[in-house]
Amino acid sequence: MKFTLFFCIFLCPCITICLADSDNLQDTCPTATIGMQTVFINGFPCKNPNSVVASDFKSSKLSHPGDTGTFFRSSLTLDMAADFPGLNTLGLSIARTDLEVEGLTMPHSHPRASEIFFVSTGVVFAGFFDTQSKLFSKILKPGEVFVVPQGLLHFFINTGDEAAVIFSVLNSQNPGVVKISGASFEPDDEEMVDKLVRKIKSAAALEGKASSIQNVTPTDF
């Protein structure tokens, strides 16, 4: 009995430690450039501390607009530890979304990260669904911020009369993306994609009618 009690007291802290994200054991850990990967770990190897330089902590990847000449008139540029060495072990990724007028991002979720995004230019309708299928949505103007909890389905659409730019920060260096279109139907099913786009634009049009927009659910998409 005493041994069992001792074992439980010893095991519980160990389980807690194993389940928690580990803290950095050094000041910095920029991603080391590697060739063909032969060892797979939860992250990336660190550079030799003696070769770490200031440029490891700077990225210009998000300073240029993405290509919005797509079906959805939008573009996502994601900067993660694989391309931005200074992010390694910090649990962060950053992104830029460019939206032409009426451009939109398809409903998607990040299984390993919450996302907070800042509207730099334009007017954007943003929304996410909780696990009870309730929609939380807002029209956002330049300077305003919106946060999406981890793993929840979300989207945004440009409802203004000029191109919109959104900058995002995600609290994982590899947030992952699950798109509702890929999970629900074939990517080349143009009829279903077109129906999905119309539903999102309809939800945006109903933003000012709270009683109506509450009836929109993920199944409608």
C-alpha atoms as a PDB file:
ATOM      1  CA  MET A   1       0.000   0.000   0.000  1.00  0.00           C
ATOM      2  CA  LYS A   2       2.811   2.388   0.949  1.00  0.00           C
ATOM      3  CA  PHE A   3       4.687   1.490  -2.236  1.00  0.00           C
ATOM      4  CA  THR A   4       1.580   2.175  -4.352  1.00  0.00           C
ATOM      5  CA  LEU A   5       1.063   5.556  -2.684  1.00  0.00           C
ATOM      6  CA  PHE A   6       4.723   6.472  -3.181  1.00  0.00           C
ATOM      7  CA  PHE A   7       4.557   5.394  -6.829  1.00  0.00           C
ATOM      8  CA  CYS A   8       1.468   7.575  -7.486  1.00  0.00           C
ATOM      9  CA  ILE A   9       3.057  10.586  -5.769  1.00  0.00           C
ATOM     10  CA  PHE A  10       6.183  10.143  -7.906  1.00  0.00           C
ATOM     11  CA  LEU A  11       4.331   9.419 -11.168  1.00  0.00           C
ATOM     12  CA  CYS A  12       1.880  12.368 -11.160  1.00  0.00           C
ATOM     13  CA  PRO A  13       4.541  15.117 -11.374  1.00  0.00           C
ATOM     14  CA  CYS A  14       6.342  13.144 -14.077  1.00  0.00           C
ATOM     15  CA  ILE A  15       3.175  12.925 -16.183  1.00  0.00           C
ATOM     16  CA  THR A  16       2.590  16.658 -15.712  1.00  0.00           C
ATOM     17  CA  ILE A  17       6.122  17.458 -16.840  1.00  0.00           C
ATOM     18  CA  CYS A  18       5.860  15.193 -19.881  1.00  0.00           C
ATOM     19  CA  LEU A  19       2.552  16.716 -21.000  1.00  0.00           C
ATOM     20  CA  ALA A  20       3.717  20.328 -20.635  1.00  0.00           C
ATOM     21  CA  ASP A  21       5.617  22.298 -23.291  1.00  0.00           C
ATOM     22  CA  SER A  22       9.266  22.443 -22.343  1.00  0.00           C
ATOM     23  CA  ASP A  23      10.922  25.786 -21.707  1.00  0.00           C
ATOM     24  CA  ASN A  24      14.044  26.898 -23.552  1.00  0.00           C
ATOM     25  CA  LEU A  25      17.253  25.673 -21.969  1.00  0.00           C
ATOM     26  CA  GLN A  26      19.319  28.411 -23.616  1.00  0.00           C
ATOM     27  CA  ASP A  27      18.848  32.023 -24.699  1.00  0.00           C
ATOM     28  CA  THR A  28      18.419  31.321 -28.400  1.00  0.00           C
ATOM     29  CA  CYS A  29      18.101  28.331 -30.721  1.00  0.00           C
ATOM     30  CA  PRO A  30      17.953  29.462 -34.371  1.00  0.00           C
ATOM     31  CA  THR A  31      17.212  26.657 -36.796  1.00  0.00           C
ATOM     32  CA  ALA A  32      20.329  24.945 -38.111  1.00  0.00           C
ATOM     33  CA  THR A  33      20.527  24.463 -41.866  1.00  0.00           C
ATOM     34  CA  ILE A  34      20.329  20.760 -42.539  1.00  0.00           C
ATOM     35  CA  GLY A  35      20.350  18.609 -45.645  1.00  0.00           C
ATOM     36  CA  MET A  36      18.348  15.416 -45.950  1.00  0.00           C
ATOM     37  CA  GLN A  37      16.695  14.830 -42.571  1.00  0.00           C
ATOM     38  CA  THR A  38      17.683  11.512 -40.972  1.00  0.00           C
ATOM     39  CA  VAL A  39      16.729  12.223 -37.360  1.00  0.00           C
ATOM     40  CA  PHE A  40      13.163  13.336 -36.643  1.00  0.00           C
ATOM     41  CA  ILE A  41      12.541  15.412 -33.518  1.00  0.00           C
ATOM     42  CA  ASN A  42       9.748  17.675 -32.290  1.00  0.00           C
ATOM     43  CA  GLY A  43      11.238  20.841 -33.762  1.00  0.00           C
ATOM     44  CA  PHE A  44      14.537  21.634 -35.471  1.00  0.00           C
ATOM     45  CA  PRO A  45      18.200  21.283 -34.444  1.00  0.00           C
ATOM     46  CA  CYS A  46      19.859  24.465 -33.152  1.00  0.00           C
ATOM     47  CA  LYS A  47      22.735  26.293 -34.750  1.00  0.00           C
ATOM     48  CA  ASN A  48      26.080  26.323 -33.028  1.00  0.00           C
ATOM     49  CA  PRO A  49      25.763  29.229 -30.517  1.00  0.00           C
ATOM     50  CA  ASN A  50      29.045  30.643 -31.847  1.00  0.00           C
ATOM     51  CA  SER A  51      27.522  31.037 -35.335  1.00  0.00           C
ATOM     52  CA  VAL A  52      24.264  32.747 -34.272  1.00  0.00           C
ATOM     53  CA  VAL A  53      23.934  36.226 -35.818  1.00  0.00           C
ATOM     54  CA  ALA A  54      21.397  39.076 -35.656  1.00  0.00           C
ATOM     55  CA  SER A  55      20.016  38.231 -39.113  1.00  0.00           C
ATOM     56  CA  ASP A  56      18.695  34.927 -37.695  1.00  0.00           C
ATOM     57  CA  PHE A  57      16.069  37.003 -35.875  1.00  0.00           C
ATOM     58  CA  LYS A  58      14.902  39.093 -38.835  1.00  0.00           C
ATOM     59  CA  SER A  59      12.599  38.129 -41.719  1.00  0.00           C
ATOM     60  CA  SER A  60      11.415  40.147 -44.718  1.00  0.00           C
ATOM     61  CA  LYS A  61       9.168  37.389 -46.057  1.00  0.00           C
ATOM     62  CA  LEU A  62       5.953  39.189 -45.067  1.00  0.00           C
ATOM     63  CA  SER A  63       6.970  42.571 -46.503  1.00  0.00           C
ATOM     64  CA  HIS A  64       5.774  41.662 -50.003  1.00  0.00           C
ATOM     65  CA  PRO A  65       2.165  41.025 -51.126  1.00  0.00           C
ATOM     66  CA  GLY A  66       1.239  37.465 -52.005  1.00  0.00           C
ATOM     67  CA  ASP A  67      -0.249  36.349 -55.306  1.00  0.00           C
ATOM     68  CA  THR A  68      -4.003  36.970 -55.140  1.00  0.00           C
ATOM     69  CA  GLY A  69      -4.648  35.813 -58.699  1.00  0.00           C
ATOM     70  CA  THR A  70      -6.419  32.709 -57.418  1.00  0.00           C
ATOM     71  CA  PHE A  71     -10.006  31.445 -57.423  1.00  0.00           C
ATOM     72  CA  PHE A  72     -10.601  32.950 -53.964  1.00  0.00           C
ATOM     73  CA  ARG A  73      -8.698  36.183 -54.737  1.00  0.00           C
ATOM     74  CA  SER A  74      -6.574  35.728 -51.646  1.00  0.00           C
ATOM     75  CA  SER A  75      -3.079  34.711 -50.637  1.00  0.00           C
ATOM     76  CA  LEU A  76      -1.519  33.363 -47.437  1.00  0.00           C
ATOM     77  CA  THR A  77       2.190  33.757 -46.700  1.00  0.00           C
ATOM     78  CA  LEU A  78       3.289  31.795 -43.627  1.00  0.00           C
ATOM     79  CA  ASP A  79       6.656  32.293 -41.940  1.00  0.00           C
ATOM     80  CA  MET A  80       7.716  29.445 -39.640  1.00  0.00           C
ATOM     81  CA  ALA A  81      10.902  28.197 -38.004  1.00  0.00           C
ATOM     82  CA  ALA A  82      11.922  26.287 -41.128  1.00  0.00           C
ATOM     83  CA  ASP A  83      12.349  29.601 -42.998  1.00  0.00           C
ATOM     84  CA  PHE A  84      12.743  32.056 -40.094  1.00  0.00           C
ATOM     85  CA  PRO A  85      15.498  30.516 -37.897  1.00  0.00           C
ATOM     86  CA  GLY A  86      14.942  32.801 -34.897  1.00  0.00           C
ATOM     87  CA  LEU A  87      11.455  31.365 -34.305  1.00  0.00           C
ATOM     88  CA  ASN A  88      12.771  27.897 -33.474  1.00  0.00           C
ATOM     89  CA  THR A  89      11.736  26.726 -29.947  1.00  0.00           C
ATOM     90  CA  LEU A  90       9.736  29.935 -29.297  1.00  0.00           C
ATOM     91  CA  GLY A  91       6.339  28.388 -30.095  1.00  0.00           C
ATOM     92  CA  LEU A  92       5.480  31.102 -32.627  1.00  0.00           C
ATOM     93  CA  SER A  93       4.651  31.488 -36.312  1.00  0.00           C
ATOM     94  CA  ILE A  94       3.656  34.597 -38.227  1.00  0.00           C
ATOM     95  CA  ALA A  95       1.588  35.052 -41.366  1.00  0.00           C
ATOM     96  CA  ARG A  96       0.355  37.593 -43.902  1.00  0.00           C
ATOM     97  CA  THR A  97      -2.992  37.311 -45.677  1.00  0.00           C
ATOM     98  CA  ASP A  98      -3.733  39.427 -48.747  1.00  0.00           C
ATOM     99  CA  LEU A  99      -7.364  39.776 -49.857  1.00  0.00           C
ATOM    100  CA  GLU A 100      -8.597  41.483 -53.003  1.00  0.00           C
ATOM    101  CA  VAL A 101     -12.082  43.056 -52.919  1.00  0.00           C
ATOM    102  CA  GLU A 102     -14.494  40.189 -52.098  1.00  0.00           C
ATOM    103  CA  GLY A 103     -11.513  37.895 -51.657  1.00  0.00           C
ATOM    104  CA  LEU A 104     -11.819  35.313 -48.885  1.00  0.00           C
ATOM    105  CA  THR A 105     -10.061  32.549 -47.025  1.00  0.00           C
ATOM    106  CA  MET A 106     -11.843  29.209 -46.932  1.00  0.00           C
ATOM    107  CA  PRO A 107     -12.998  27.968 -43.492  1.00  0.00           C
ATOM    108  CA  HIS A 108     -10.074  26.226 -41.822  1.00  0.00           C
ATOM    109  CA  SER A 109      -8.607  25.476 -38.411  1.00  0.00           C
ATOM    110  CA  HIS A 110      -5.169  25.246 -36.809  1.00  0.00           C
ATOM    111  CA  PRO A 111      -5.088  22.105 -34.618  1.00  0.00           C
ATOM    112  CA  ARG A 112      -1.992  23.202 -32.707  1.00  0.00           C
ATOM    113  CA  ALA A 113      -2.416  26.964 -32.350  1.00  0.00           C
ATOM    114  CA  SER A 114      -4.600  29.900 -31.451  1.00  0.00           C
ATOM    115  CA  GLU A 115      -4.380  32.821 -33.871  1.00  0.00           C
ATOM    116  CA  ILE A 116      -4.505  36.541 -33.260  1.00  0.00           C
ATOM    117  CA  PHE A 117      -4.654  38.739 -36.322  1.00  0.00           C
ATOM    118  CA  PHE A 118      -4.302  42.453 -36.926  1.00  0.00           C
ATOM    119  CA  VAL A 119      -5.993  44.234 -39.831  1.00  0.00           C
ATOM    120  CA  SER A 120      -3.379  46.481 -41.425  1.00  0.00           C
ATOM    121  CA  THR A 121      -5.446  47.817 -44.342  1.00  0.00           C
ATOM    122  CA  GLY A 122      -8.975  47.324 -45.630  1.00  0.00           C
ATOM    123  CA  VAL A 123     -12.212  46.167 -44.019  1.00  0.00           C
ATOM    124  CA  VAL A 124     -12.573  42.485 -43.147  1.00  0.00           C
ATOM    125  CA  PHE A 125     -15.434  40.306 -41.945  1.00  0.00           C
ATOM    126  CA  ALA A 126     -13.996  37.639 -39.616  1.00  0.00           C
ATOM    127  CA  GLY A 127     -15.660  34.785 -37.815  1.00  0.00           C
ATOM    128  CA  PHE A 128     -15.162  31.460 -36.033  1.00  0.00           C
ATOM    129  CA  PHE A 129     -17.406  28.639 -34.789  1.00  0.00           C
ATOM    130  CA  ASP A 130     -17.180  27.115 -31.327  1.00  0.00           C
ATOM    131  CA  THR A 131     -17.822  23.423 -30.605  1.00  0.00           C
ATOM    132  CA  GLN A 132     -21.536  24.170 -30.137  1.00  0.00           C
ATOM    133  CA  SER A 133     -21.703  25.489 -33.726  1.00  0.00           C
ATOM    134  CA  LYS A 134     -22.195  29.064 -32.520  1.00  0.00           C
ATOM    135  CA  LEU A 135     -20.762  31.712 -34.823  1.00  0.00           C
ATOM    136  CA  PHE A 136     -18.746  34.631 -33.407  1.00  0.00           C
ATOM    137  CA  SER A 137     -18.134  37.280 -36.047  1.00  0.00           C
ATOM    138  CA  LYS A 138     -17.189  40.927 -36.451  1.00  0.00           C
ATOM    139  CA  ILE A 139     -16.468  43.526 -39.100  1.00  0.00           C
ATOM    140  CA  LEU A 140     -12.886  44.720 -38.530  1.00  0.00           C
ATOM    141  CA  LYS A 141     -11.279  47.966 -39.653  1.00  0.00           C
ATOM    142  CA  PRO A 142      -7.582  48.956 -39.810  1.00  0.00           C
ATOM    143  CA  GLY A 143      -5.911  48.750 -36.401  1.00  0.00           C
ATOM    144  CA  GLU A 144      -8.429  46.298 -34.964  1.00  0.00           C
ATOM    145  CA  VAL A 145      -7.525  42.838 -33.695  1.00  0.00           C
ATOM    146  CA  PHE A 146      -9.433  39.539 -33.594  1.00  0.00           C
ATOM    147  CA  VAL A 147      -8.464  36.294 -31.865  1.00  0.00           C
ATOM    148  CA  VAL A 148      -9.418  32.729 -32.820  1.00  0.00           C
ATOM    149  CA  PRO A 149      -9.040  30.010 -30.137  1.00  0.00           C
ATOM    150  CA  GLN A 150      -7.005  26.917 -30.929  1.00  0.00           C
ATOM    151  CA  GLY A 151      -8.548  24.320 -33.225  1.00  0.00           C
ATOM    152  CA  LEU A 152     -11.727  26.262 -34.067  1.00  0.00           C
ATOM    153  CA  LEU A 153     -13.023  26.684 -37.612  1.00  0.00           C
ATOM    154  CA  HIS A 154     -12.601  30.253 -38.880  1.00  0.00           C
ATOM    155  CA  PHE A 155     -12.600  32.386 -42.021  1.00  0.00           C
ATOM    156  CA  PHE A 156     -12.425  35.980 -43.218  1.00  0.00           C
ATOM    157  CA  ILE A 157     -13.571  37.929 -46.270  1.00  0.00           C
ATOM    158  CA  ASN A 158     -12.765  41.378 -47.616  1.00  0.00           C
ATOM    159  CA  THR A 159     -15.993  43.396 -47.429  1.00  0.00           C
ATOM    160  CA  GLY A 160     -14.434  46.780 -48.208  1.00  0.00           C
ATOM    161  CA  ASP A 161     -13.757  48.599 -51.466  1.00  0.00           C
ATOM    162  CA  GLU A 162      -9.962  48.195 -51.424  1.00  0.00           C
ATOM    163  CA  ALA A 163      -7.448  45.392 -50.982  1.00  0.00           C
ATOM    164  CA  ALA A 164      -7.047  44.179 -47.396  1.00  0.00           C
ATOM    165  CA  VAL A 165      -3.941  42.999 -45.564  1.00  0.00           C
ATOM    166  CA  ILE A 166      -3.961  40.974 -42.343  1.00  0.00           C
ATOM    167  CA  PHE A 167      -0.967  40.039 -40.202  1.00  0.00           C
ATOM    168  CA  SER A 168      -1.286  37.054 -37.854  1.00  0.00           C
ATOM    169  CA  VAL A 169       0.638  35.527 -34.973  1.00  0.00           C
ATOM    170  CA  LEU A 170       0.070  31.868 -34.052  1.00  0.00           C
ATOM    171  CA  ASN A 171       1.320  30.315 -30.821  1.00  0.00           C
ATOM    172  CA  SER A 172       2.977  27.290 -32.417  1.00  0.00           C
ATOM    173  CA  GLN A 173       6.004  27.006 -34.643  1.00  0.00           C
ATOM    174  CA  ASN A 174       4.065  24.419 -36.663  1.00  0.00           C
ATOM    175  CA  PRO A 175       0.343  25.265 -36.267  1.00  0.00           C
ATOM    176  CA  GLY A 176      -0.970  22.967 -39.004  1.00  0.00           C
ATOM    177  CA  VAL A 177      -3.952  23.725 -41.250  1.00  0.00           C
ATOM    178  CA  VAL A 178      -7.141  21.696 -41.716  1.00  0.00           C
ATOM    179  CA  LYS A 179      -9.369  23.043 -44.506  1.00  0.00           C
ATOM    180  CA  ILE A 180     -13.083  22.285 -44.414  1.00  0.00           C
ATOM    181  CA  SER A 181     -13.119  21.974 -48.215  1.00  0.00           C
ATOM    182  CA  GLY A 182     -10.500  19.239 -48.211  1.00  0.00           C
ATOM    183  CA  ALA A 183     -12.203  17.397 -45.357  1.00  0.00           C
ATOM    184  CA  SER A 184     -15.723  17.634 -46.827  1.00  0.00           C
ATOM    185  CA  PHE A 185     -15.413  17.223 -50.591  1.00  0.00           C
ATOM    186  CA  GLU A 186     -13.009  16.870 -53.483  1.00  0.00           C
ATOM    187  CA  PRO A 187     -10.924  20.002 -54.179  1.00  0.00           C
ATOM    188  CA  ASP A 188     -11.929  19.965 -57.858  1.00  0.00           C
ATOM    189  CA  ASP A 189     -15.669  19.884 -57.078  1.00  0.00           C
ATOM    190  CA  GLU A 190     -16.337  23.385 -58.432  1.00  0.00           C
ATOM    191  CA  GLU A 191     -20.051  23.286 -57.663  1.00  0.00           C
ATOM    192  CA  MET A 192     -19.480  22.590 -53.962  1.00  0.00           C
ATOM    193  CA  VAL A 193     -16.698  25.187 -53.742  1.00  0.00           C
ATOM    194  CA  ASP A 194     -18.953  27.797 -55.371  1.00  0.00           C
ATOM    195  CA  LYS A 195     -21.756  26.968 -52.917  1.00  0.00           C
ATOM    196  CA  LEU A 196     -19.321  27.345 -50.024  1.00  0.00           C
ATOM    197  CA  VAL A 197     -18.183  30.748 -51.274  1.00  0.00           C
ATOM    198  CA  ARG A 198     -21.794  31.957 -51.602  1.00  0.00           C
ATOM    199  CA  LYS A 199     -22.565  30.847 -48.026  1.00  0.00           C
ATOM    200  CA  ILE A 200     -19.605  32.799 -46.631  1.00  0.00           C
ATOM    201  CA  LYS A 201     -20.535  35.938 -48.559  1.00  0.00           C
ATOM    202  CA  SER A 202     -24.137  35.564 -47.413  1.00  0.00           C
ATOM    203  CA  ALA A 203     -22.977  35.374 -43.786  1.00  0.00           C
ATOM    204  CA  ALA A 204     -20.936  38.548 -44.286  1.00  0.00           C
ATOM    205  CA  ALA A 205     -23.970  40.340 -45.715  1.00  0.00           C
ATOM    206  CA  LEU A 206     -25.980  39.382 -42.624  1.00  0.00           C
ATOM    207  CA  GLU A 207     -23.439  40.746 -40.140  1.00  0.00           C
ATOM    208  CA  GLY A 208     -25.683  43.667 -39.279  1.00  0.00           C
ATOM    209  CA  LYS A 209     -28.628  41.375 -38.596  1.00  0.00           C
ATOM    210  CA  ALA A 210     -27.661  39.568 -35.395  1.00  0.00           C
ATOM    211  CA  SER A 211     -30.799  37.460 -35.189  1.00  0.00           C
ATOM    212  CA  SER A 212     -30.263  36.138 -38.697  1.00  0.00           C
ATOM    213  CA  ILE A 213     -26.532  35.463 -38.556  1.00  0.00           C
ATOM    214  CA  GLN A 214     -26.861  33.362 -35.403  1.00  0.00           C
ATOM    215  CA  ASN A 215     -28.679  30.779 -37.535  1.00  0.00           C
ATOM    216  CA  VAL A 216     -25.610  30.199 -39.706  1.00  0.00           C
ATOM    217  CA  THR A 217     -23.789  27.002 -38.692  1.00  0.00           C
ATOM    218  CA  PRO A 218     -20.751  25.074 -39.937  1.00  0.00           C
ATOM    219  CA  THR A 219     -23.073  22.588 -41.665  1.00  0.00           C
ATOM    220  CA  ASP A 220     -24.284  25.436 -43.879  1.00  0.00           C
ATOM    221  CA  PHE A 221     -20.792  25.650 -45.277  1.00  0.00           C
END
